Amino acid sequence: MRAREVCVHAVDFDLGIGFADLPEDFLRALCDDIRAKRGLTELPAGPLPEVAAWLAGRPHSLADAPALGPWL
C-alpha cells in the first residue's frame, strides 16, 4: 500500500515520472487492486500504464474509457 501511494503521488507531483515509468509488475498489481475496489469486471483496451492512470482517476490517453471519477 505504501508503494502504491508513493508511486502514484510521484506521478501526481509531476516530478518527471509518469505511469509509463513505473514497473510493469507494480502496474499490474495496482490495476488488480483498484479494479477490485471499484467493482469493475472489464477494463478498456490500451497500454497498461494508461489503464492504470484511468483506474486511478488520473489523466490518460484512452479514447473510449468511461469516466470513473477520482480515485482518492
N, C-alpha and C. Protein backbone atom coordinates (compact mmCIF):
# COMPACT_ATOMS: atom_id res chain seq x y z
N MET A 1 0.81 -1.18 0.00
CA MET A 1 0.00 0.00 0.00
C MET A 1 0.87 1.26 0.00
N ARG A 2 1.93 1.24 0.75
CA ARG A 2 2.83 2.40 0.80
C ARG A 2 3.47 2.64 -0.56
N ALA A 3 3.88 1.56 -1.23
CA ALA A 3 4.49 1.71 -2.56
C ALA A 3 3.49 2.34 -3.52
N ARG A 4 2.24 1.92 -3.42
CA ARG A 4 1.21 2.49 -4.30
C ARG A 4 1.09 3.99 -4.07
N GLU A 5 1.00 4.40 -2.82
CA GLU A 5 0.87 5.82 -2.51
C GLU A 5 2.08 6.62 -2.99
N VAL A 6 3.27 6.11 -2.72
CA VAL A 6 4.49 6.83 -3.11
C VAL A 6 4.57 6.96 -4.63
N CYS A 7 4.34 5.86 -5.34
CA CYS A 7 4.47 5.89 -6.80
C CYS A 7 3.40 6.75 -7.46
N VAL A 8 2.16 6.58 -7.04
CA VAL A 8 1.08 7.36 -7.67
C VAL A 8 1.25 8.84 -7.36
N HIS A 9 1.63 9.18 -6.14
CA HIS A 9 1.81 10.59 -5.81
C HIS A 9 3.06 11.17 -6.48
N ALA A 10 4.06 10.36 -6.75
CA ALA A 10 5.22 10.85 -7.52
C ALA A 10 4.75 11.29 -8.90
N VAL A 11 3.83 10.55 -9.48
CA VAL A 11 3.24 10.95 -10.77
C VAL A 11 2.42 12.23 -10.57
N ASP A 12 1.61 12.27 -9.52
CA ASP A 12 0.76 13.43 -9.25
C ASP A 12 1.57 14.72 -9.10
N PHE A 13 2.71 14.63 -8.46
CA PHE A 13 3.52 15.82 -8.19
C PHE A 13 4.32 16.28 -9.39
N ASP A 14 4.15 15.59 -10.54
CA ASP A 14 4.81 15.98 -11.78
C ASP A 14 6.32 16.11 -11.59
N LEU A 15 6.91 15.05 -11.04
CA LEU A 15 8.35 15.02 -10.76
C LEU A 15 9.15 14.41 -11.90
N GLY A 16 8.55 14.37 -13.08
CA GLY A 16 9.23 13.77 -14.23
C GLY A 16 9.00 12.27 -14.33
N ILE A 17 8.07 11.76 -13.53
CA ILE A 17 7.74 10.34 -13.53
C ILE A 17 6.29 10.21 -13.98
N GLY A 18 6.06 9.30 -14.91
CA GLY A 18 4.70 9.02 -15.36
C GLY A 18 4.36 7.57 -15.09
N PHE A 19 3.13 7.20 -15.31
CA PHE A 19 2.74 5.80 -15.10
C PHE A 19 3.57 4.87 -15.99
N ALA A 20 3.99 5.34 -17.16
CA ALA A 20 4.80 4.51 -18.06
C ALA A 20 6.19 4.23 -17.48
N ASP A 21 6.62 5.01 -16.50
CA ASP A 21 7.93 4.80 -15.88
C ASP A 21 7.90 3.80 -14.72
N LEU A 22 6.71 3.44 -14.28
CA LEU A 22 6.58 2.53 -13.15
C LEU A 22 6.75 1.08 -13.62
N PRO A 23 7.26 0.20 -12.75
CA PRO A 23 7.48 -1.20 -13.15
C PRO A 23 6.17 -1.90 -13.54
N GLU A 24 6.26 -2.76 -14.54
CA GLU A 24 5.08 -3.45 -15.05
C GLU A 24 4.39 -4.29 -13.98
N ASP A 25 5.17 -5.00 -13.16
CA ASP A 25 4.54 -5.82 -12.12
C ASP A 25 3.80 -4.96 -11.10
N PHE A 26 4.33 -3.78 -10.81
CA PHE A 26 3.66 -2.84 -9.92
C PHE A 26 2.34 -2.38 -10.55
N LEU A 27 2.39 -2.03 -11.85
CA LEU A 27 1.19 -1.55 -12.54
C LEU A 27 0.11 -2.63 -12.58
N ARG A 28 0.51 -3.87 -12.80
CA ARG A 28 -0.47 -4.97 -12.83
C ARG A 28 -1.14 -5.13 -11.46
N ALA A 29 -0.33 -5.10 -10.41
CA ALA A 29 -0.88 -5.23 -9.05
C ALA A 29 -1.79 -4.04 -8.74
N LEU A 30 -1.38 -2.85 -9.13
CA LEU A 30 -2.18 -1.65 -8.90
C LEU A 30 -3.52 -1.77 -9.63
N CYS A 31 -3.49 -2.18 -10.88
CA CYS A 31 -4.73 -2.33 -11.66
C CYS A 31 -5.64 -3.38 -11.03
N ASP A 32 -5.08 -4.51 -10.62
CA ASP A 32 -5.89 -5.56 -10.00
C ASP A 32 -6.56 -5.04 -8.72
N ASP A 33 -5.80 -4.33 -7.91
CA ASP A 33 -6.31 -3.81 -6.65
C ASP A 33 -7.42 -2.78 -6.87
N ILE A 34 -7.16 -1.80 -7.72
CA ILE A 34 -8.15 -0.75 -7.94
C ILE A 34 -9.38 -1.30 -8.65
N ARG A 35 -9.17 -2.19 -9.61
CA ARG A 35 -10.32 -2.78 -10.31
C ARG A 35 -11.24 -3.50 -9.31
N ALA A 36 -10.66 -4.24 -8.40
CA ALA A 36 -11.45 -4.94 -7.39
C ALA A 36 -12.17 -3.96 -6.47
N LYS A 37 -11.48 -2.91 -6.06
CA LYS A 37 -12.10 -1.93 -5.16
C LYS A 37 -13.21 -1.14 -5.85
N ARG A 38 -13.07 -0.92 -7.15
CA ARG A 38 -14.10 -0.21 -7.90
C ARG A 38 -15.22 -1.15 -8.35
N GLY A 39 -15.02 -2.45 -8.19
CA GLY A 39 -16.04 -3.41 -8.59
C GLY A 39 -16.19 -3.55 -10.09
N LEU A 40 -15.10 -3.36 -10.83
CA LEU A 40 -15.14 -3.44 -12.29
C LEU A 40 -14.83 -4.86 -12.76
N THR A 41 -15.55 -5.31 -13.76
CA THR A 41 -15.27 -6.63 -14.34
C THR A 41 -14.51 -6.52 -15.65
N GLU A 42 -14.64 -5.38 -16.32
CA GLU A 42 -13.95 -5.18 -17.60
C GLU A 42 -13.13 -3.91 -17.55
N LEU A 43 -12.04 -3.94 -18.31
CA LEU A 43 -11.17 -2.77 -18.43
C LEU A 43 -11.09 -2.38 -19.90
N PRO A 44 -10.88 -1.11 -20.17
CA PRO A 44 -10.72 -0.71 -21.57
C PRO A 44 -9.40 -1.25 -22.13
N ALA A 45 -9.38 -1.45 -23.42
CA ALA A 45 -8.14 -1.88 -24.08
C ALA A 45 -7.18 -0.71 -24.16
N GLY A 46 -5.93 -1.00 -23.98
CA GLY A 46 -4.92 0.03 -24.10
C GLY A 46 -3.66 -0.35 -23.35
N PRO A 47 -2.64 0.48 -23.45
CA PRO A 47 -1.39 0.20 -22.76
C PRO A 47 -1.60 0.18 -21.23
N LEU A 48 -0.93 -0.73 -20.57
CA LEU A 48 -1.07 -0.90 -19.13
C LEU A 48 -0.89 0.40 -18.35
N PRO A 49 0.11 1.25 -18.65
CA PRO A 49 0.23 2.49 -17.88
C PRO A 49 -0.99 3.41 -18.03
N GLU A 50 -1.60 3.42 -19.20
CA GLU A 50 -2.78 4.26 -19.41
C GLU A 50 -4.00 3.70 -18.69
N VAL A 51 -4.12 2.39 -18.68
CA VAL A 51 -5.22 1.76 -17.95
C VAL A 51 -5.07 2.03 -16.45
N ALA A 52 -3.84 1.93 -15.94
CA ALA A 52 -3.59 2.22 -14.52
C ALA A 52 -3.94 3.66 -14.20
N ALA A 53 -3.57 4.59 -15.05
CA ALA A 53 -3.89 6.00 -14.83
C ALA A 53 -5.40 6.20 -14.83
N TRP A 54 -6.09 5.58 -15.77
CA TRP A 54 -7.55 5.68 -15.84
C TRP A 54 -8.20 5.15 -14.57
N LEU A 55 -7.77 3.96 -14.13
CA LEU A 55 -8.34 3.37 -12.92
C LEU A 55 -8.11 4.26 -11.70
N ALA A 56 -6.95 4.90 -11.65
CA ALA A 56 -6.60 5.74 -10.50
C ALA A 56 -7.22 7.13 -10.60
N GLY A 57 -8.00 7.38 -11.65
CA GLY A 57 -8.65 8.67 -11.80
C GLY A 57 -7.70 9.78 -12.21
N ARG A 58 -6.60 9.39 -12.84
CA ARG A 58 -5.61 10.37 -13.30
C ARG A 58 -5.74 10.57 -14.81
N PRO A 59 -5.14 11.63 -15.34
CA PRO A 59 -5.18 11.86 -16.79
C PRO A 59 -4.61 10.67 -17.57
N HIS A 60 -5.25 10.35 -18.68
CA HIS A 60 -4.84 9.20 -19.50
C HIS A 60 -5.17 9.51 -20.96
N SER A 61 -4.73 8.62 -21.83
CA SER A 61 -4.98 8.83 -23.26
C SER A 61 -5.94 7.80 -23.85
N LEU A 62 -6.70 7.11 -23.01
CA LEU A 62 -7.65 6.11 -23.50
C LEU A 62 -8.88 6.82 -24.07
N ALA A 63 -9.10 6.68 -25.35
CA ALA A 63 -10.16 7.43 -26.03
C ALA A 63 -11.57 6.95 -25.65
N ASP A 64 -11.77 5.66 -25.47
CA ASP A 64 -13.11 5.14 -25.25
C ASP A 64 -13.38 4.71 -23.81
N ALA A 65 -12.56 5.14 -22.88
CA ALA A 65 -12.74 4.75 -21.48
C ALA A 65 -13.82 5.62 -20.83
N PRO A 66 -14.76 5.00 -20.13
CA PRO A 66 -15.79 5.80 -19.47
C PRO A 66 -15.23 6.59 -18.29
N ALA A 67 -15.90 7.63 -17.93
CA ALA A 67 -15.48 8.43 -16.76
C ALA A 67 -15.73 7.62 -15.50
N LEU A 68 -14.73 7.61 -14.61
CA LEU A 68 -14.87 6.88 -13.36
C LEU A 68 -14.94 7.80 -12.15
N GLY A 69 -14.50 9.01 -12.28
CA GLY A 69 -14.40 9.89 -11.13
C GLY A 69 -13.07 9.69 -10.44
N PRO A 70 -12.75 10.57 -9.52
CA PRO A 70 -11.45 10.48 -8.85
C PRO A 70 -11.34 9.23 -7.99
N TRP A 71 -10.13 8.75 -7.85
CA TRP A 71 -9.89 7.55 -7.06
C TRP A 71 -9.76 7.91 -5.59
N LEU A 72 -8.82 8.76 -5.27
CA LEU A 72 -8.62 9.17 -3.87
C LEU A 72 -8.41 10.67 -3.80
